[in-house]
């Protein structure tokens, strides 16, 4: 069950990079509804590649959900090389501050609670009589996963926002089955983003560790999007992580709300022995 907590930081990677295509390829990838962009490419016979790159990045950035608070109840199916299980997970999130997670197993019994903030993690085991609380630094999760993520990465995973895009450079784009694929290169990962036909939603996010000795890959799929104001919120996500072993996590959001009072917070018991 603790590994489900780790999932919210499980950011690892697979990507593909291809050579730059001509302006006409990008024009075909743009939605017909996006008349302003089509007109721009029609009228300009030769466009600086940096302008195309800027357009792609802005298009992707517009899909990122902005909020102050979030509540969600999720069904989570978890499968590793050694076992498989399913849980009900309640999450309350204060943007850029704290993530409260409560995990229920069979018969609705709470097996684990976790409070994650910018620099620490508190794990609570209600079924344990002794030493039922552990205080860890955020680096503890980083060490377990061998991934140098930050709090904002966990936050984006919960919300359904793309990850590891900050300071990443677009290195390729192409059209595949009428969907625009954008390859990006950051300081840690290669990142391949697949958009839907009108470029309004991210369907797939594939990551590949730049350090090939790590052998870490991850593929995240987003589906069943619903509108939230001007944003698109993915109700279903699938995460497949391959490193030394394979991990599959499927999430189905049963209910959610943004910018409402927190529903799933909890108090902390008296701490036991630190580990």
C-alpha atoms as a PDB file:
ATOM      1  CA  UNK A   1       0.000   0.000   0.000  1.00  0.00           C
ATOM      2  CA  UNK A   2       2.881   2.349   0.651  1.00  0.00           C
ATOM      3  CA  UNK A   3       3.807   2.012  -3.020  1.00  0.00           C
ATOM      4  CA  UNK A   4       0.566   3.758  -3.978  1.00  0.00           C
ATOM      5  CA  UNK A   5       1.891   6.810  -2.151  1.00  0.00           C
ATOM      6  CA  UNK A   6       5.091   6.433  -4.126  1.00  0.00           C
ATOM      7  CA  UNK A   7       3.028   6.363  -7.325  1.00  0.00           C
ATOM      8  CA  UNK A   8       2.156  10.010  -6.914  1.00  0.00           C
ATOM      9  CA  UNK A   9       5.860  10.680  -7.385  1.00  0.00           C
ATOM     10  CA  UNK A  10       6.588   7.951  -9.921  1.00  0.00           C
ATOM     11  CA  UNK A  11       7.889  10.013 -12.763  1.00  0.00           C
ATOM     12  CA  UNK A  12      10.100   8.023 -15.096  1.00  0.00           C
ATOM     13  CA  UNK A  13      10.388   7.784 -18.803  1.00  0.00           C
ATOM     14  CA  UNK A  14      10.250   6.825 -22.632  1.00  0.00           C
ATOM     15  CA  UNK A  15      10.282   9.098 -25.582  1.00  0.00           C
ATOM     16  CA  UNK A  16      11.048   9.398 -29.190  1.00  0.00           C
ATOM     17  CA  UNK A  17      12.648  12.245 -31.009  1.00  0.00           C
ATOM     18  CA  UNK A  18      12.442  12.721 -34.749  1.00  0.00           C
ATOM     19  CA  UNK A  19      13.828  15.368 -37.050  1.00  0.00           C
ATOM     20  CA  UNK A  20      12.083  18.697 -37.540  1.00  0.00           C
ATOM     21  CA  UNK A  21       9.346  18.624 -40.133  1.00  0.00           C
ATOM     22  CA  UNK A  22       8.467  21.441 -42.500  1.00  0.00           C
ATOM     23  CA  UNK A  23       5.948  24.160 -41.752  1.00  0.00           C
ATOM     24  CA  UNK A  24       3.321  22.364 -43.836  1.00  0.00           C
ATOM     25  CA  UNK A  25       3.323  19.412 -41.411  1.00  0.00           C
ATOM     26  CA  UNK A  26       2.514  21.628 -38.460  1.00  0.00           C
ATOM     27  CA  UNK A  27      -0.188  23.316 -40.492  1.00  0.00           C
ATOM     28  CA  UNK A  28      -1.869  19.961 -41.096  1.00  0.00           C
ATOM     29  CA  UNK A  29      -1.633  19.135 -37.374  1.00  0.00           C
ATOM     30  CA  UNK A  30      -3.410  22.304 -36.300  1.00  0.00           C
ATOM     31  CA  UNK A  31      -7.154  22.012 -35.821  1.00  0.00           C
ATOM     32  CA  UNK A  32      -9.284  23.384 -38.643  1.00  0.00           C
ATOM     33  CA  UNK A  33     -11.152  25.271 -35.939  1.00  0.00           C
ATOM     34  CA  UNK A  34      -7.969  27.098 -35.041  1.00  0.00           C
ATOM     35  CA  UNK A  35      -8.438  29.475 -37.965  1.00  0.00           C
ATOM     36  CA  UNK A  36      -6.080  32.129 -36.614  1.00  0.00           C
ATOM     37  CA  UNK A  37      -3.158  29.702 -36.597  1.00  0.00           C
ATOM     38  CA  UNK A  38      -4.057  28.253 -39.996  1.00  0.00           C
ATOM     39  CA  UNK A  39      -4.305  31.717 -41.487  1.00  0.00           C
ATOM     40  CA  UNK A  40      -0.957  32.613 -39.984  1.00  0.00           C
ATOM     41  CA  UNK A  41       0.754  29.655 -41.605  1.00  0.00           C
ATOM     42  CA  UNK A  42      -1.076  30.232 -44.888  1.00  0.00           C
ATOM     43  CA  UNK A  43       0.015  33.836 -45.173  1.00  0.00           C
ATOM     44  CA  UNK A  44       3.601  33.347 -44.113  1.00  0.00           C
ATOM     45  CA  UNK A  45       5.593  31.342 -46.614  1.00  0.00           C
ATOM     46  CA  UNK A  46       8.600  30.919 -44.392  1.00  0.00           C
ATOM     47  CA  UNK A  47       8.333  30.816 -40.625  1.00  0.00           C
ATOM     48  CA  UNK A  48      11.186  30.889 -38.154  1.00  0.00           C
ATOM     49  CA  UNK A  49      11.333  27.557 -36.335  1.00  0.00           C
ATOM     50  CA  UNK A  50      11.512  29.366 -33.000  1.00  0.00           C
ATOM     51  CA  UNK A  51       8.041  30.817 -33.666  1.00  0.00           C
ATOM     52  CA  UNK A  52       6.685  27.330 -34.286  1.00  0.00           C
ATOM     53  CA  UNK A  53       8.325  26.077 -31.104  1.00  0.00           C
ATOM     54  CA  UNK A  54       6.798  28.936 -29.113  1.00  0.00           C
ATOM     55  CA  UNK A  55       3.363  28.159 -30.495  1.00  0.00           C
ATOM     56  CA  UNK A  56       3.627  24.485 -29.523  1.00  0.00           C
ATOM     57  CA  UNK A  57       4.779  25.265 -25.980  1.00  0.00           C
ATOM     58  CA  UNK A  58       2.015  27.815 -25.459  1.00  0.00           C
ATOM     59  CA  UNK A  59      -0.551  25.353 -26.768  1.00  0.00           C
ATOM     60  CA  UNK A  60       0.562  22.732 -24.274  1.00  0.00           C
ATOM     61  CA  UNK A  61       0.810  25.207 -21.389  1.00  0.00           C
ATOM     62  CA  UNK A  62      -2.815  26.214 -21.899  1.00  0.00           C
ATOM     63  CA  UNK A  63      -3.925  22.717 -20.913  1.00  0.00           C
ATOM     64  CA  UNK A  64      -2.442  23.019 -17.411  1.00  0.00           C
ATOM     65  CA  UNK A  65      -5.167  23.269 -14.775  1.00  0.00           C
ATOM     66  CA  UNK A  66      -4.909  26.194 -12.387  1.00  0.00           C
ATOM     67  CA  UNK A  67      -6.589  25.973  -8.966  1.00  0.00           C
ATOM     68  CA  UNK A  68      -6.323  26.783  -5.246  1.00  0.00           C
ATOM     69  CA  UNK A  69      -7.692  23.589  -3.679  1.00  0.00           C
ATOM     70  CA  UNK A  70      -8.761  20.179  -4.942  1.00  0.00           C
ATOM     71  CA  UNK A  71     -10.678  17.226  -3.534  1.00  0.00           C
ATOM     72  CA  UNK A  72     -10.926  13.855  -5.257  1.00  0.00           C
ATOM     73  CA  UNK A  73     -12.007  10.279  -4.667  1.00  0.00           C
ATOM     74  CA  UNK A  74     -10.298   7.729  -6.881  1.00  0.00           C
ATOM     75  CA  UNK A  75     -10.386   4.029  -7.580  1.00  0.00           C
ATOM     76  CA  UNK A  76      -6.800   2.834  -7.967  1.00  0.00           C
ATOM     77  CA  UNK A  77      -5.737  -0.513  -9.420  1.00  0.00           C
ATOM     78  CA  UNK A  78      -2.144  -1.426  -8.714  1.00  0.00           C
ATOM     79  CA  UNK A  79      -0.079  -4.228 -10.240  1.00  0.00           C
ATOM     80  CA  UNK A  80       3.591  -5.038  -9.843  1.00  0.00           C
ATOM     81  CA  UNK A  81       5.730  -8.046 -10.627  1.00  0.00           C
ATOM     82  CA  UNK A  82       4.929  -9.532  -7.224  1.00  0.00           C
ATOM     83  CA  UNK A  83       1.339  -8.560  -6.404  1.00  0.00           C
ATOM     84  CA  UNK A  84      -1.811  -6.739  -7.440  1.00  0.00           C
ATOM     85  CA  UNK A  85      -4.529  -4.966  -5.495  1.00  0.00           C
ATOM     86  CA  UNK A  86      -7.059  -2.160  -5.666  1.00  0.00           C
ATOM     87  CA  UNK A  87      -7.848   0.719  -3.332  1.00  0.00           C
ATOM     88  CA  UNK A  88     -10.099   3.688  -2.807  1.00  0.00           C
ATOM     89  CA  UNK A  89      -7.978   6.813  -2.420  1.00  0.00           C
ATOM     90  CA  UNK A  90      -9.224  10.137  -1.058  1.00  0.00           C
ATOM     91  CA  UNK A  91      -7.100  13.192  -1.799  1.00  0.00           C
ATOM     92  CA  UNK A  92      -7.256  16.802  -0.635  1.00  0.00           C
ATOM     93  CA  UNK A  93      -4.712  19.188  -2.101  1.00  0.00           C
ATOM     94  CA  UNK A  94      -3.727  22.740  -1.228  1.00  0.00           C
ATOM     95  CA  UNK A  95      -1.867  24.153  -4.196  1.00  0.00           C
ATOM     96  CA  UNK A  96       1.900  24.406  -3.676  1.00  0.00           C
ATOM     97  CA  UNK A  97       1.482  23.506   0.001  1.00  0.00           C
ATOM     98  CA  UNK A  98       0.149  20.090   1.038  1.00  0.00           C
ATOM     99  CA  UNK A  99      -1.350  16.828  -0.227  1.00  0.00           C
ATOM    100  CA  UNK A 100      -3.514  14.736   2.121  1.00  0.00           C
ATOM    101  CA  UNK A 101      -3.951  11.112   1.031  1.00  0.00           C
ATOM    102  CA  UNK A 102      -6.134   8.445   2.669  1.00  0.00           C
ATOM    103  CA  UNK A 103      -6.024   4.893   1.308  1.00  0.00           C
ATOM    104  CA  UNK A 104      -8.743   2.338   2.010  1.00  0.00           C
ATOM    105  CA  UNK A 105      -8.419  -1.340   1.240  1.00  0.00           C
ATOM    106  CA  UNK A 106     -10.855  -4.228   1.537  1.00  0.00           C
ATOM    107  CA  UNK A 107     -14.062  -3.573   3.496  1.00  0.00           C
ATOM    108  CA  UNK A 108     -13.293   0.141   3.499  1.00  0.00           C
ATOM    109  CA  UNK A 109     -10.627  -0.168   6.183  1.00  0.00           C
ATOM    110  CA  UNK A 110      -8.080   2.668   6.216  1.00  0.00           C
ATOM    111  CA  UNK A 111      -4.650   1.158   5.802  1.00  0.00           C
ATOM    112  CA  UNK A 112      -2.552   4.249   5.291  1.00  0.00           C
ATOM    113  CA  UNK A 113      -2.686   8.030   5.528  1.00  0.00           C
ATOM    114  CA  UNK A 114      -0.035  10.354   4.201  1.00  0.00           C
ATOM    115  CA  UNK A 115       0.602  14.063   4.429  1.00  0.00           C
ATOM    116  CA  UNK A 116       3.064  15.361   1.851  1.00  0.00           C
ATOM    117  CA  UNK A 117       4.298  18.922   1.823  1.00  0.00           C
ATOM    118  CA  UNK A 118       7.170  20.743   0.146  1.00  0.00           C
ATOM    119  CA  UNK A 119       9.945  19.145   2.181  1.00  0.00           C
ATOM    120  CA  UNK A 120       8.523  16.294   4.274  1.00  0.00           C
ATOM    121  CA  UNK A 121       6.273  13.246   4.332  1.00  0.00           C
ATOM    122  CA  UNK A 122       4.267  11.888   7.268  1.00  0.00           C
ATOM    123  CA  UNK A 123       3.050   8.274   6.962  1.00  0.00           C
ATOM    124  CA  UNK A 124       0.347   7.046   9.363  1.00  0.00           C
ATOM    125  CA  UNK A 125      -0.615   3.387   9.789  1.00  0.00           C
ATOM    126  CA  UNK A 126      -3.925   3.278  11.708  1.00  0.00           C
ATOM    127  CA  UNK A 127      -3.887  -0.521  12.028  1.00  0.00           C
ATOM    128  CA  UNK A 128      -0.533  -0.580  13.798  1.00  0.00           C
ATOM    129  CA  UNK A 129      -0.579  -0.442  17.578  1.00  0.00           C
ATOM    130  CA  UNK A 130       3.015   0.693  17.953  1.00  0.00           C
ATOM    131  CA  UNK A 131       5.158   2.974  15.832  1.00  0.00           C
ATOM    132  CA  UNK A 132       2.171   3.830  13.691  1.00  0.00           C
ATOM    133  CA  UNK A 133       3.624   7.096  12.422  1.00  0.00           C
ATOM    134  CA  UNK A 134       6.760   7.827  10.426  1.00  0.00           C
ATOM    135  CA  UNK A 135       8.265  11.229   9.638  1.00  0.00           C
ATOM    136  CA  UNK A 136      10.382  11.383   6.494  1.00  0.00           C
ATOM    137  CA  UNK A 137      11.936  14.062   4.347  1.00  0.00           C
ATOM    138  CA  UNK A 138      10.695  14.419   0.784  1.00  0.00           C
ATOM    139  CA  UNK A 139      14.070  13.074  -0.281  1.00  0.00           C
ATOM    140  CA  UNK A 140      12.971   9.739   1.227  1.00  0.00           C
ATOM    141  CA  UNK A 141      10.494   9.272  -1.614  1.00  0.00           C
ATOM    142  CA  UNK A 142      13.127  10.438  -4.063  1.00  0.00           C
ATOM    143  CA  UNK A 143      15.553   7.837  -2.750  1.00  0.00           C
ATOM    144  CA  UNK A 144      12.989   5.044  -2.902  1.00  0.00           C
ATOM    145  CA  UNK A 145      11.982   5.893  -6.456  1.00  0.00           C
ATOM    146  CA  UNK A 146      15.427   7.074  -7.563  1.00  0.00           C
ATOM    147  CA  UNK A 147      13.727  10.058  -9.176  1.00  0.00           C
ATOM    148  CA  UNK A 148      14.666  13.688  -8.413  1.00  0.00           C
ATOM    149  CA  UNK A 149      11.097  15.016  -8.390  1.00  0.00           C
ATOM    150  CA  UNK A 150       9.769  18.008  -6.494  1.00  0.00           C
ATOM    151  CA  UNK A 151       6.499  18.620  -4.664  1.00  0.00           C
ATOM    152  CA  UNK A 152       5.049  20.300  -7.731  1.00  0.00           C
ATOM    153  CA  UNK A 153       5.614  17.109  -9.733  1.00  0.00           C
ATOM    154  CA  UNK A 154       3.456  15.123  -7.299  1.00  0.00           C
ATOM    155  CA  UNK A 155       0.875  17.889  -7.415  1.00  0.00           C
ATOM    156  CA  UNK A 156       0.728  17.830 -11.212  1.00  0.00           C
ATOM    157  CA  UNK A 157       0.375  14.045 -11.228  1.00  0.00           C
ATOM    158  CA  UNK A 158      -2.637  14.209  -8.911  1.00  0.00           C
ATOM    159  CA  UNK A 159      -4.282  17.025 -10.876  1.00  0.00           C
ATOM    160  CA  UNK A 160      -3.549  15.447 -14.252  1.00  0.00           C
ATOM    161  CA  UNK A 161      -1.184  18.128 -15.509  1.00  0.00           C
ATOM    162  CA  UNK A 162       1.839  17.298 -17.682  1.00  0.00           C
ATOM    163  CA  UNK A 163       5.128  16.827 -15.845  1.00  0.00           C
ATOM    164  CA  UNK A 164       8.783  17.633 -16.461  1.00  0.00           C
ATOM    165  CA  UNK A 165       8.040  20.304 -19.054  1.00  0.00           C
ATOM    166  CA  UNK A 166       9.711  23.180 -17.217  1.00  0.00           C
ATOM    167  CA  UNK A 167      12.728  24.517 -19.103  1.00  0.00           C
ATOM    168  CA  UNK A 168      12.385  21.734 -21.664  1.00  0.00           C
ATOM    169  CA  UNK A 169      13.294  22.501 -25.261  1.00  0.00           C
ATOM    170  CA  UNK A 170      11.221  21.354 -28.199  1.00  0.00           C
ATOM    171  CA  UNK A 171      13.451  19.241 -30.433  1.00  0.00           C
ATOM    172  CA  UNK A 172      10.962  17.590 -32.772  1.00  0.00           C
ATOM    173  CA  UNK A 173       7.371  17.402 -33.920  1.00  0.00           C
ATOM    174  CA  UNK A 174       5.440  15.252 -36.317  1.00  0.00           C
ATOM    175  CA  UNK A 175       1.900  14.224 -37.189  1.00  0.00           C
ATOM    176  CA  UNK A 176       0.837  10.645 -36.553  1.00  0.00           C
ATOM    177  CA  UNK A 177      -2.773   9.542 -37.177  1.00  0.00           C
ATOM    178  CA  UNK A 178      -3.848  13.202 -37.246  1.00  0.00           C
ATOM    179  CA  UNK A 179      -2.358  13.776 -33.803  1.00  0.00           C
ATOM    180  CA  UNK A 180       0.512  16.135 -33.129  1.00  0.00           C
ATOM    181  CA  UNK A 181       3.480  14.578 -31.322  1.00  0.00           C
ATOM    182  CA  UNK A 182       5.942  16.970 -29.726  1.00  0.00           C
ATOM    183  CA  UNK A 183       9.368  15.825 -28.558  1.00  0.00           C
ATOM    184  CA  UNK A 184      11.006  17.864 -25.804  1.00  0.00           C
ATOM    185  CA  UNK A 185      14.383  17.638 -24.103  1.00  0.00           C
ATOM    186  CA  UNK A 186      14.921  18.737 -20.519  1.00  0.00           C
ATOM    187  CA  UNK A 187      17.838  18.491 -18.118  1.00  0.00           C
ATOM    188  CA  UNK A 188      16.714  15.068 -16.847  1.00  0.00           C
ATOM    189  CA  UNK A 189      14.309  13.533 -19.325  1.00  0.00           C
ATOM    190  CA  UNK A 190      13.225  13.280 -22.893  1.00  0.00           C
ATOM    191  CA  UNK A 191       9.526  14.012 -23.095  1.00  0.00           C
ATOM    192  CA  UNK A 192       7.095  13.054 -25.851  1.00  0.00           C
ATOM    193  CA  UNK A 193       3.623  14.614 -25.716  1.00  0.00           C
ATOM    194  CA  UNK A 194       0.749  13.400 -27.876  1.00  0.00           C
ATOM    195  CA  UNK A 195      -2.160  15.827 -28.325  1.00  0.00           C
ATOM    196  CA  UNK A 196      -5.668  15.114 -29.563  1.00  0.00           C
ATOM    197  CA  UNK A 197      -6.822  16.196 -33.016  1.00  0.00           C
ATOM    198  CA  UNK A 198      -7.581  19.808 -32.102  1.00  0.00           C
ATOM    199  CA  UNK A 199      -4.567  20.164 -29.761  1.00  0.00           C
ATOM    200  CA  UNK A 200      -6.811  20.909 -26.774  1.00  0.00           C
ATOM    201  CA  UNK A 201      -5.981  17.850 -24.645  1.00  0.00           C
ATOM    202  CA  UNK A 202      -2.915  15.786 -23.776  1.00  0.00           C
ATOM    203  CA  UNK A 203      -3.582  12.111 -24.487  1.00  0.00           C
ATOM    204  CA  UNK A 204      -0.194  10.589 -23.775  1.00  0.00           C
ATOM    205  CA  UNK A 205       2.956  11.633 -22.014  1.00  0.00           C
ATOM    206  CA  UNK A 206       6.023   9.443 -22.527  1.00  0.00           C
ATOM    207  CA  UNK A 207       9.273   9.954 -20.678  1.00  0.00           C
ATOM    208  CA  UNK A 208      12.740   8.552 -21.060  1.00  0.00           C
ATOM    209  CA  UNK A 209      15.642   9.092 -18.684  1.00  0.00           C
ATOM    210  CA  UNK A 210      18.492  10.894 -20.397  1.00  0.00           C
ATOM    211  CA  UNK A 211      20.880   8.774 -18.329  1.00  0.00           C
ATOM    212  CA  UNK A 212      20.525   5.472 -20.185  1.00  0.00           C
ATOM    213  CA  UNK A 213      22.239   3.597 -17.349  1.00  0.00           C
ATOM    214  CA  UNK A 214      19.149   4.196 -15.207  1.00  0.00           C
ATOM    215  CA  UNK A 215      16.944   2.117 -17.539  1.00  0.00           C
ATOM    216  CA  UNK A 216      13.879   4.059 -16.404  1.00  0.00           C
ATOM    217  CA  UNK A 217      10.870   4.546 -18.629  1.00  0.00           C
ATOM    218  CA  UNK A 218       7.324   5.719 -18.019  1.00  0.00           C
ATOM    219  CA  UNK A 219       4.195   6.103 -20.101  1.00  0.00           C
ATOM    220  CA  UNK A 220       1.174   8.046 -18.848  1.00  0.00           C
ATOM    221  CA  UNK A 221      -2.167   7.985 -20.689  1.00  0.00           C
ATOM    222  CA  UNK A 222      -4.972  10.485 -20.029  1.00  0.00           C
ATOM    223  CA  UNK A 223      -8.558   9.866 -21.132  1.00  0.00           C
ATOM    224  CA  UNK A 224     -12.222  10.642 -20.481  1.00  0.00           C
ATOM    225  CA  UNK A 225     -11.631  14.384 -20.177  1.00  0.00           C
ATOM    226  CA  UNK A 226     -14.352  16.622 -18.777  1.00  0.00           C
ATOM    227  CA  UNK A 227     -14.450  20.431 -18.993  1.00  0.00           C
ATOM    228  CA  UNK A 228     -13.525  22.438 -15.906  1.00  0.00           C
ATOM    229  CA  UNK A 229     -13.971  26.089 -16.849  1.00  0.00           C
ATOM    230  CA  UNK A 230     -11.462  26.603 -19.689  1.00  0.00           C
ATOM    231  CA  UNK A 231      -9.502  23.465 -18.756  1.00  0.00           C
ATOM    232  CA  UNK A 232      -9.821  19.754 -19.554  1.00  0.00           C
ATOM    233  CA  UNK A 233      -9.646  17.384 -16.567  1.00  0.00           C
ATOM    234  CA  UNK A 234      -8.749  13.711 -17.255  1.00  0.00           C
ATOM    235  CA  UNK A 235     -10.997  11.353 -15.278  1.00  0.00           C
ATOM    236  CA  UNK A 236      -8.899   8.316 -16.194  1.00  0.00           C
ATOM    237  CA  UNK A 237      -5.120   7.920 -16.077  1.00  0.00           C
ATOM    238  CA  UNK A 238      -2.844   4.951 -16.620  1.00  0.00           C
ATOM    239  CA  UNK A 239       0.776   4.912 -15.518  1.00  0.00           C
ATOM    240  CA  UNK A 240       3.244   2.225 -16.580  1.00  0.00           C
ATOM    241  CA  UNK A 241       6.688   2.473 -15.031  1.00  0.00           C
ATOM    242  CA  UNK A 242       9.608   0.268 -15.997  1.00  0.00           C
ATOM    243  CA  UNK A 243      12.912   0.401 -14.185  1.00  0.00           C
ATOM    244  CA  UNK A 244      14.374  -2.600 -12.383  1.00  0.00           C
ATOM    245  CA  UNK A 245      10.805  -3.918 -12.287  1.00  0.00           C
ATOM    246  CA  UNK A 246       7.465  -3.056 -13.878  1.00  0.00           C
ATOM    247  CA  UNK A 247       4.681  -1.147 -12.137  1.00  0.00           C
ATOM    248  CA  UNK A 248       1.214  -0.450 -13.533  1.00  0.00           C
ATOM    249  CA  UNK A 249      -1.241   1.934 -11.886  1.00  0.00           C
ATOM    250  CA  UNK A 250      -4.693   2.737 -13.231  1.00  0.00           C
ATOM    251  CA  UNK A 251      -6.700   5.578 -11.718  1.00  0.00           C
ATOM    252  CA  UNK A 252     -10.386   6.337 -12.193  1.00  0.00           C
ATOM    253  CA  UNK A 253     -11.612   9.587 -10.655  1.00  0.00           C
ATOM    254  CA  UNK A 254     -15.031   8.931  -9.127  1.00  0.00           C
ATOM    255  CA  UNK A 255     -15.668  12.470  -7.935  1.00  0.00           C
ATOM    256  CA  UNK A 256     -13.713  15.710  -7.717  1.00  0.00           C
ATOM    257  CA  UNK A 257     -13.998  19.418  -7.005  1.00  0.00           C
ATOM    258  CA  UNK A 258     -11.770  22.456  -7.334  1.00  0.00           C
ATOM    259  CA  UNK A 259     -11.608  25.577  -5.181  1.00  0.00           C
ATOM    260  CA  UNK A 260     -13.928  24.246  -2.485  1.00  0.00           C
ATOM    261  CA  UNK A 261     -13.270  23.587   1.244  1.00  0.00           C
ATOM    262  CA  UNK A 262     -11.018  20.582   1.879  1.00  0.00           C
ATOM    263  CA  UNK A 263     -12.869  17.311   2.560  1.00  0.00           C
ATOM    264  CA  UNK A 264     -10.188  14.738   3.330  1.00  0.00           C
ATOM    265  CA  UNK A 265      -7.768  16.363   5.765  1.00  0.00           C
ATOM    266  CA  UNK A 266      -6.837  14.725   9.060  1.00  0.00           C
ATOM    267  CA  UNK A 267      -4.965  15.473  12.258  1.00  0.00           C
ATOM    268  CA  UNK A 268      -1.623  13.906  13.099  1.00  0.00           C
ATOM    269  CA  UNK A 269      -1.272  11.520  16.063  1.00  0.00           C
ATOM    270  CA  UNK A 270       1.561  11.884  18.493  1.00  0.00           C
ATOM    271  CA  UNK A 271       4.730  10.827  16.689  1.00  0.00           C
ATOM    272  CA  UNK A 272       6.425   7.603  17.560  1.00  0.00           C
ATOM    273  CA  UNK A 273      10.034   6.762  16.974  1.00  0.00           C
ATOM    274  CA  UNK A 274      11.470   8.463  13.920  1.00  0.00           C
ATOM    275  CA  UNK A 275      13.003   6.279  11.294  1.00  0.00           C
END
